[in-house]
Amino acid sequence: MLDVSSSDGTTADGIVAVSSTLVSCKAGERVISGGSSADTPNFPSLAAIRSSFKSGNGWRTVYANDSGSTMLALAYAYCLKK
């Protein structure tokens, strides 16, 4: 059975704020893949996902915000029951 878990993070406005968010699989599951998305509605070209990768038994997204407004970043993990 495949389970999708997600976690979001926000960065406040500022000059090139870099942050990350991590989502982990539940007990009895293992991560098989994942991904991410980022959104700044007012200045979408100034939001960037720097990297998205497996981290432990989850998925991590590192993102940067140079928009001067709040950014929403989403990390998601595809988890398979053992």
PDB file of N, CA and C in Angstrom:
ATOM      1  N   MET A   1       0.846  -1.183   0.000  1.00  0.00           N
ATOM      2  CA  MET A   1       0.000   0.000   0.000  1.00  0.00           C
ATOM      3  C   MET A   1       0.887   1.241   0.000  1.00  0.00           C
ATOM      4  N   LEU A   2       0.517   2.200  -0.791  1.00  0.00           N
ATOM      5  CA  LEU A   2       1.265   3.453  -0.896  1.00  0.00           C
ATOM      6  C   LEU A   2       0.577   4.536  -0.089  1.00  0.00           C
ATOM      7  N   ASP A   3       1.351   5.259   0.696  1.00  0.00           N
ATOM      8  CA  ASP A   3       0.836   6.346   1.525  1.00  0.00           C
ATOM      9  C   ASP A   3       1.609   7.601   1.170  1.00  0.00           C
ATOM     10  N   VAL A   4       0.921   8.714   1.006  1.00  0.00           N
ATOM     11  CA  VAL A   4       1.586   9.981   0.707  1.00  0.00           C
ATOM     12  C   VAL A   4       1.451  10.879   1.921  1.00  0.00           C
ATOM     13  N   SER A   5       2.577  11.345   2.439  1.00  0.00           N
ATOM     14  CA  SER A   5       2.600  12.255   3.572  1.00  0.00           C
ATOM     15  C   SER A   5       3.148  13.587   3.111  1.00  0.00           C
ATOM     16  N   SER A   6       2.715  14.670   3.713  1.00  0.00           N
ATOM     17  CA  SER A   6       3.235  15.975   3.317  1.00  0.00           C
ATOM     18  C   SER A   6       3.459  16.853   4.536  1.00  0.00           C
ATOM     19  N   SER A   7       4.319  17.834   4.333  1.00  0.00           N
ATOM     20  CA  SER A   7       4.634  18.807   5.375  1.00  0.00           C
ATOM     21  C   SER A   7       4.879  20.132   4.680  1.00  0.00           C
ATOM     22  N   ASP A   8       4.454  21.220   5.268  1.00  0.00           N
ATOM     23  CA  ASP A   8       4.721  22.510   4.643  1.00  0.00           C
ATOM     24  C   ASP A   8       5.477  23.415   5.589  1.00  0.00           C
ATOM     25  N   GLY A   9       6.119  24.397   5.003  1.00  0.00           N
ATOM     26  CA  GLY A   9       6.859  25.371   5.787  1.00  0.00           C
ATOM     27  C   GLY A   9       6.718  26.727   5.138  1.00  0.00           C
ATOM     28  N   THR A  10       6.800  27.761   5.918  1.00  0.00           N
ATOM     29  CA  THR A  10       6.736  29.103   5.360  1.00  0.00           C
ATOM     30  C   THR A  10       7.966  29.886   5.791  1.00  0.00           C
ATOM     31  N   THR A  11       8.382  30.787   4.941  1.00  0.00           N
ATOM     32  CA  THR A  11       9.444  31.720   5.310  1.00  0.00           C
ATOM     33  C   THR A  11       8.862  33.115   5.236  1.00  0.00           C
ATOM     34  N   ALA A  12       9.168  33.910   6.208  1.00  0.00           N
ATOM     35  CA  ALA A  12       8.690  35.292   6.208  1.00  0.00           C
ATOM     36  C   ALA A  12       9.460  36.094   5.169  1.00  0.00           C
ATOM     37  N   ASP A  13       8.937  37.267   4.862  1.00  0.00           N
ATOM     38  CA  ASP A  13       9.625  38.113   3.890  1.00  0.00           C
ATOM     39  C   ASP A  13      11.001  38.498   4.415  1.00  0.00           C
ATOM     40  N   GLY A  14      11.882  38.758   3.508  1.00  0.00           N
ATOM     41  CA  GLY A  14      13.244  39.092   3.889  1.00  0.00           C
ATOM     42  C   GLY A  14      14.152  38.988   2.689  1.00  0.00           C
ATOM     43  N   ILE A  15      15.415  39.137   2.916  1.00  0.00           N
ATOM     44  CA  ILE A  15      16.379  39.080   1.833  1.00  0.00           C
ATOM     45  C   ILE A  15      16.964  37.682   1.785  1.00  0.00           C
ATOM     46  N   VAL A  16      16.669  36.969   0.756  1.00  0.00           N
ATOM     47  CA  VAL A  16      17.124  35.602   0.490  1.00  0.00           C
ATOM     48  C   VAL A  16      17.078  34.733   1.751  1.00  0.00           C
ATOM     49  N   ALA A  17      15.892  34.435   2.200  1.00  0.00           N
ATOM     50  CA  ALA A  17      15.705  33.523   3.319  1.00  0.00           C
ATOM     51  C   ALA A  17      15.833  32.096   2.790  1.00  0.00           C
ATOM     52  N   VAL A  18      16.692  31.293   3.398  1.00  0.00           N
ATOM     53  CA  VAL A  18      16.867  29.891   3.009  1.00  0.00           C
ATOM     54  C   VAL A  18      16.407  29.033   4.172  1.00  0.00           C
ATOM     55  N   SER A  19      15.578  28.044   3.883  1.00  0.00           N
ATOM     56  CA  SER A  19      15.041  27.188   4.922  1.00  0.00           C
ATOM     57  C   SER A  19      14.777  25.803   4.339  1.00  0.00           C
ATOM     58  N   SER A  20      14.295  24.885   5.178  1.00  0.00           N
ATOM     59  CA  SER A  20      13.969  23.551   4.688  1.00  0.00           C
ATOM     60  C   SER A  20      12.782  23.000   5.449  1.00  0.00           C
ATOM     61  N   THR A  21      12.161  21.995   4.871  1.00  0.00           N
ATOM     62  CA  THR A  21      11.085  21.276   5.530  1.00  0.00           C
ATOM     63  C   THR A  21      11.291  19.792   5.282  1.00  0.00           C
ATOM     64  N   LEU A  22      10.927  18.975   6.258  1.00  0.00           N
ATOM     65  CA  LEU A  22      11.124  17.532   6.197  1.00  0.00           C
ATOM     66  C   LEU A  22       9.821  16.839   6.510  1.00  0.00           C
ATOM     67  N   VAL A  23       9.488  15.833   5.729  1.00  0.00           N
ATOM     68  CA  VAL A  23       8.340  14.986   6.029  1.00  0.00           C
ATOM     69  C   VAL A  23       8.862  13.563   6.164  1.00  0.00           C
ATOM     70  N   SER A  24       8.403  12.851   7.183  1.00  0.00           N
ATOM     71  CA  SER A  24       8.875  11.489   7.454  1.00  0.00           C
ATOM     72  C   SER A  24       7.748  10.485   7.282  1.00  0.00           C
ATOM     73  N   CYS A  25       8.121   9.276   6.888  1.00  0.00           N
ATOM     74  CA  CYS A  25       7.146   8.199   6.786  1.00  0.00           C
ATOM     75  C   CYS A  25       6.786   7.717   8.191  1.00  0.00           C
ATOM     76  N   LYS A  26       5.626   7.113   8.292  1.00  0.00           N
ATOM     77  CA  LYS A  26       5.149   6.603   9.572  1.00  0.00           C
ATOM     78  C   LYS A  26       5.884   5.315   9.931  1.00  0.00           C
ATOM     79  N   ALA A  27       5.782   4.909  11.188  1.00  0.00           N
ATOM     80  CA  ALA A  27       6.372   3.642  11.632  1.00  0.00           C
ATOM     81  C   ALA A  27       5.786   2.510  10.791  1.00  0.00           C
ATOM     82  N   GLY A  28       6.626   1.572  10.380  1.00  0.00           N
ATOM     83  CA  GLY A  28       6.177   0.457   9.561  1.00  0.00           C
ATOM     84  C   GLY A  28       6.148   0.769   8.079  1.00  0.00           C
ATOM     85  N   GLU A  29       6.628   1.957   7.690  1.00  0.00           N
ATOM     86  CA  GLU A  29       6.681   2.351   6.289  1.00  0.00           C
ATOM     87  C   GLU A  29       8.114   2.722   5.928  1.00  0.00           C
ATOM     88  N   ARG A  30       8.414   2.713   4.633  1.00  0.00           N
ATOM     89  CA  ARG A  30       9.712   3.192   4.171  1.00  0.00           C
ATOM     90  C   ARG A  30       9.498   4.120   2.986  1.00  0.00           C
ATOM     91  N   VAL A  31      10.317   5.152   2.918  1.00  0.00           N
ATOM     92  CA  VAL A  31      10.199   6.135   1.842  1.00  0.00           C
ATOM     93  C   VAL A  31      10.714   5.504   0.548  1.00  0.00           C
ATOM     94  N   ILE A  32       9.970   5.692  -0.545  1.00  0.00           N
ATOM     95  CA  ILE A  32      10.416   5.190  -1.844  1.00  0.00           C
ATOM     96  C   ILE A  32      10.651   6.318  -2.845  1.00  0.00           C
ATOM     97  N   SER A  33      10.083   7.484  -2.571  1.00  0.00           N
ATOM     98  CA  SER A  33      10.272   8.646  -3.443  1.00  0.00           C
ATOM     99  C   SER A  33       9.679   9.858  -2.751  1.00  0.00           C
ATOM    100  N   GLY A  34       9.813  11.005  -3.383  1.00  0.00           N
ATOM    101  CA  GLY A  34       9.242  12.215  -2.819  1.00  0.00           C
ATOM    102  C   GLY A  34       9.370  13.367  -3.788  1.00  0.00           C
ATOM    103  N   GLY A  35       9.002  14.536  -3.338  1.00  0.00           N
ATOM    104  CA  GLY A  35       9.092  15.710  -4.189  1.00  0.00           C
ATOM    105  C   GLY A  35       8.760  16.963  -3.413  1.00  0.00           C
ATOM    106  N   SER A  36       8.610  18.055  -4.145  1.00  0.00           N
ATOM    107  CA  SER A  36       8.377  19.330  -3.483  1.00  0.00           C
ATOM    108  C   SER A  36       7.775  20.347  -4.434  1.00  0.00           C
ATOM    109  N   SER A  37       7.230  21.386  -3.851  1.00  0.00           N
ATOM    110  CA  SER A  37       6.754  22.537  -4.620  1.00  0.00           C
ATOM    111  C   SER A  37       6.891  23.773  -3.750  1.00  0.00           C
ATOM    112  N   ALA A  38       6.923  24.931  -4.389  1.00  0.00           N
ATOM    113  CA  ALA A  38       7.034  26.200  -3.663  1.00  0.00           C
ATOM    114  C   ALA A  38       6.175  27.231  -4.365  1.00  0.00           C
ATOM    115  N   ASP A  39       5.650  28.173  -3.589  1.00  0.00           N
ATOM    116  CA  ASP A  39       4.771  29.178  -4.166  1.00  0.00           C
ATOM    117  C   ASP A  39       4.902  30.505  -3.422  1.00  0.00           C
ATOM    118  N   THR A  40       5.094  31.563  -4.168  1.00  0.00           N
ATOM    119  CA  THR A  40       4.942  32.933  -3.676  1.00  0.00           C
ATOM    120  C   THR A  40       3.991  33.589  -4.670  1.00  0.00           C
ATOM    121  N   PRO A  41       2.735  33.725  -4.323  1.00  0.00           N
ATOM    122  CA  PRO A  41       1.735  34.197  -5.274  1.00  0.00           C
ATOM    123  C   PRO A  41       2.067  35.534  -5.940  1.00  0.00           C
ATOM    124  N   ASN A  42       2.711  36.439  -5.227  1.00  0.00           N
ATOM    125  CA  ASN A  42       2.973  37.762  -5.796  1.00  0.00           C
ATOM    126  C   ASN A  42       4.214  37.806  -6.688  1.00  0.00           C
ATOM    127  N   PHE A  43       5.213  36.974  -6.372  1.00  0.00           N
ATOM    128  CA  PHE A  43       6.479  36.997  -7.114  1.00  0.00           C
ATOM    129  C   PHE A  43       6.985  35.570  -7.330  1.00  0.00           C
ATOM    130  N   PRO A  44       6.298  34.754  -8.137  1.00  0.00           N
ATOM    131  CA  PRO A  44       6.672  33.344  -8.260  1.00  0.00           C
ATOM    132  C   PRO A  44       8.073  33.101  -8.790  1.00  0.00           C
ATOM    133  N   SER A  45       8.624  34.008  -9.566  1.00  0.00           N
ATOM    134  CA  SER A  45       9.959  33.775 -10.117  1.00  0.00           C
ATOM    135  C   SER A  45      11.058  33.959  -9.075  1.00  0.00           C
ATOM    136  N   LEU A  46      10.721  34.478  -7.885  1.00  0.00           N
ATOM    137  CA  LEU A  46      11.721  34.715  -6.854  1.00  0.00           C
ATOM    138  C   LEU A  46      11.726  33.648  -5.758  1.00  0.00           C
ATOM    139  N   ALA A  47      10.933  32.582  -5.950  1.00  0.00           N
ATOM    140  CA  ALA A  47      10.929  31.438  -5.042  1.00  0.00           C
ATOM    141  C   ALA A  47      11.647  30.300  -5.745  1.00  0.00           C
ATOM    142  N   ALA A  48      12.580  29.667  -5.058  1.00  0.00           N
ATOM    143  CA  ALA A  48      13.350  28.610  -5.702  1.00  0.00           C
ATOM    144  C   ALA A  48      13.526  27.417  -4.783  1.00  0.00           C
ATOM    145  N   ILE A  49      13.331  26.235  -5.334  1.00  0.00           N
ATOM    146  CA  ILE A  49      13.666  25.015  -4.623  1.00  0.00           C
ATOM    147  C   ILE A  49      15.135  24.751  -4.912  1.00  0.00           C
ATOM    148  N   ARG A  50      15.931  24.721  -3.883  1.00  0.00           N
ATOM    149  CA  ARG A  50      17.374  24.499  -4.046  1.00  0.00           C
ATOM    150  C   ARG A  50      17.687  23.024  -4.190  1.00  0.00           C
ATOM    151  N   SER A  51      17.006  22.182  -3.403  1.00  0.00           N
ATOM    152  CA  SER A  51      17.207  20.739  -3.510  1.00  0.00           C
ATOM    153  C   SER A  51      16.029  20.007  -2.895  1.00  0.00           C
ATOM    154  N   SER A  52      15.855  18.771  -3.309  1.00  0.00           N
ATOM    155  CA  SER A  52      14.783  17.909  -2.836  1.00  0.00           C
ATOM    156  C   SER A  52      15.352  16.495  -2.839  1.00  0.00           C
ATOM    157  N   PHE A  53      15.413  15.844  -1.645  1.00  0.00           N
ATOM    158  CA  PHE A  53      16.141  14.581  -1.572  1.00  0.00           C
ATOM    159  C   PHE A  53      15.659  13.711  -0.410  1.00  0.00           C
ATOM    160  N   LYS A  54      15.965  12.408  -0.496  1.00  0.00           N
ATOM    161  CA  LYS A  54      15.682  11.464   0.570  1.00  0.00           C
ATOM    162  C   LYS A  54      16.532  11.844   1.775  1.00  0.00           C
ATOM    163  N   SER A  55      15.913  11.829   2.948  1.00  0.00           N
ATOM    164  CA  SER A  55      16.614  12.157   4.183  1.00  0.00           C
ATOM    165  C   SER A  55      16.125  11.206   5.269  1.00  0.00           C
ATOM    166  N   GLY A  56      16.981  10.263   5.677  1.00  0.00           N
ATOM    167  CA  GLY A  56      16.546   9.255   6.637  1.00  0.00           C
ATOM    168  C   GLY A  56      15.413   8.442   6.029  1.00  0.00           C
ATOM    169  N   ASN A  57      14.305   8.355   6.737  1.00  0.00           N
ATOM    170  CA  ASN A  57      13.128   7.663   6.220  1.00  0.00           C
ATOM    171  C   ASN A  57      12.058   8.676   5.819  1.00  0.00           C
ATOM    172  N   GLY A  58      12.499   9.743   5.136  1.00  0.00           N
ATOM    173  CA  GLY A  58      11.585  10.784   4.706  1.00  0.00           C
ATOM    174  C   GLY A  58      12.145  11.557   3.525  1.00  0.00           C
ATOM    175  N   TRP A  59      11.580  12.733   3.277  1.00  0.00           N
ATOM    176  CA  TRP A  59      11.974  13.578   2.149  1.00  0.00           C
ATOM    177  C   TRP A  59      12.166  15.005   2.636  1.00  0.00           C
ATOM    178  N   ARG A  60      13.271  15.626   2.252  1.00  0.00           N
ATOM    179  CA  ARG A  60      13.585  16.990   2.657  1.00  0.00           C
ATOM    180  C   ARG A  60      13.602  17.901   1.437  1.00  0.00           C
ATOM    181  N   THR A  61      13.101  19.120   1.604  1.00  0.00           N
ATOM    182  CA  THR A  61      13.147  20.158   0.583  1.00  0.00           C
ATOM    183  C   THR A  61      13.855  21.374   1.159  1.00  0.00           C
ATOM    184  N   VAL A  62      14.829  21.891   0.434  1.00  0.00           N
ATOM    185  CA  VAL A  62      15.528  23.113   0.806  1.00  0.00           C
ATOM    186  C   VAL A  62      15.121  24.171  -0.210  1.00  0.00           C
ATOM    187  N   TYR A  63      14.708  25.332   0.270  1.00  0.00           N
ATOM    188  CA  TYR A  63      14.199  26.363  -0.619  1.00  0.00           C
ATOM    189  C   TYR A  63      14.707  27.734  -0.228  1.00  0.00           C
ATOM    190  N   ALA A  64      14.681  28.646  -1.185  1.00  0.00           N
ATOM    191  CA  ALA A  64      15.116  30.028  -0.964  1.00  0.00           C
ATOM    192  C   ALA A  64      13.982  30.970  -1.346  1.00  0.00           C
ATOM    193  N   ASN A  65      13.902  32.090  -0.636  1.00  0.00           N
ATOM    194  CA  ASN A  65      12.859  33.083  -0.872  1.00  0.00           C
ATOM    195  C   ASN A  65      13.504  34.463  -0.966  1.00  0.00           C
ATOM    196  N   ASP A  66      13.472  35.027  -2.141  1.00  0.00           N
ATOM    197  CA  ASP A  66      14.004  36.377  -2.353  1.00  0.00           C
ATOM    198  C   ASP A  66      12.895  37.305  -2.835  1.00  0.00           C
ATOM    199  N   SER A  67      11.654  36.973  -2.490  1.00  0.00           N
ATOM    200  CA  SER A  67      10.503  37.692  -3.034  1.00  0.00           C
ATOM    201  C   SER A  67      10.097  38.906  -2.216  1.00  0.00           C
ATOM    202  N   GLY A  68      10.494  38.955  -0.944  1.00  0.00           N
ATOM    203  CA  GLY A  68      10.027  40.025  -0.080  1.00  0.00           C
ATOM    204  C   GLY A  68       8.635  39.765   0.457  1.00  0.00           C
ATOM    205  N   SER A  69       8.075  38.582   0.183  1.00  0.00           N
ATOM    206  CA  SER A  69       6.772  38.208   0.724  1.00  0.00           C
ATOM    207  C   SER A  69       6.842  36.770   1.230  1.00  0.00           C
ATOM    208  N   THR A  70       5.801  36.344   1.927  1.00  0.00           N
ATOM    209  CA  THR A  70       5.767  35.003   2.486  1.00  0.00           C
ATOM    210  C   THR A  70       5.715  33.959   1.380  1.00  0.00           C
ATOM    211  N   MET A  71       6.407  32.859   1.610  1.00  0.00           N
ATOM    212  CA  MET A  71       6.473  31.761   0.649  1.00  0.00           C
ATOM    213  C   MET A  71       5.962  30.491   1.311  1.00  0.00           C
ATOM    214  N   LEU A  72       5.224  29.688   0.577  1.00  0.00           N
ATOM    215  CA  LEU A  72       4.775  28.391   1.052  1.00  0.00           C
ATOM    216  C   LEU A  72       5.556  27.321   0.304  1.00  0.00           C
ATOM    217  N   ALA A  73       6.201  26.425   1.040  1.00  0.00           N
ATOM    218  CA  ALA A  73       6.945  25.314   0.437  1.00  0.00           C
ATOM    219  C   ALA A  73       6.338  24.011   0.935  1.00  0.00           C
ATOM    220  N   LEU A  74       6.252  23.031   0.061  1.00  0.00           N
ATOM    221  CA  LEU A  74       5.648  21.746   0.381  1.00  0.00           C
ATOM    222  C   LEU A  74       6.629  20.638   0.062  1.00  0.00           C
ATOM    223  N   ALA A  75       6.837  19.738   1.006  1.00  0.00           N
ATOM    224  CA  ALA A  75       7.624  18.521   0.766  1.00  0.00           C
ATOM    225  C   ALA A  75       6.649  17.355   0.903  1.00  0.00           C
ATOM    226  N   TYR A  76       6.767  16.373   0.031  1.00  0.00           N
ATOM    227  CA  TYR A  76       5.915  15.188   0.174  1.00  0.00           C
ATOM    228  C   TYR A  76       6.735  13.942  -0.038  1.00  0.00           C
ATOM    229  N   ALA A  77       6.329  12.871   0.670  1.00  0.00           N
ATOM    230  CA  ALA A  77       7.020  11.589   0.620  1.00  0.00           C
ATOM    231  C   ALA A  77       6.022  10.500   0.207  1.00  0.00           C
ATOM    232  N   TYR A  78       6.463   9.648  -0.670  1.00  0.00           N
ATOM    233  CA  TYR A  78       5.705   8.454  -1.022  1.00  0.00           C
ATOM    234  C   TYR A  78       6.250   7.330  -0.155  1.00  0.00           C
ATOM    235  N   CYS A  79       5.395   6.773   0.688  1.00  0.00           N
ATOM    236  CA  CYS A  79       5.800   5.792   1.676  1.00  0.00           C
ATOM    237  C   CYS A  79       5.126   4.451   1.370  1.00  0.00           C
ATOM    238  N   LEU A  80       5.899   3.367   1.450  1.00  0.00           N
ATOM    239  CA  LEU A  80       5.405   2.029   1.181  1.00  0.00           C
ATOM    240  C   LEU A  80       5.394   1.253   2.487  1.00  0.00           C
ATOM    241  N   LYS A  81       4.252   0.612   2.765  1.00  0.00           N
ATOM    242  CA  LYS A  81       4.173  -0.209   3.984  1.00  0.00           C
ATOM    243  C   LYS A  81       5.079  -1.405   3.813  1.00  0.00           C
ATOM    244  N   LYS A  82       5.819  -1.716   4.893  1.00  0.00           N
ATOM    245  CA  LYS A  82       6.761  -2.846   4.858  1.00  0.00           C
ATOM    246  C   LYS A  82       6.025  -4.164   4.919  1.00  0.00           C
TER     247      LYS A  82
END
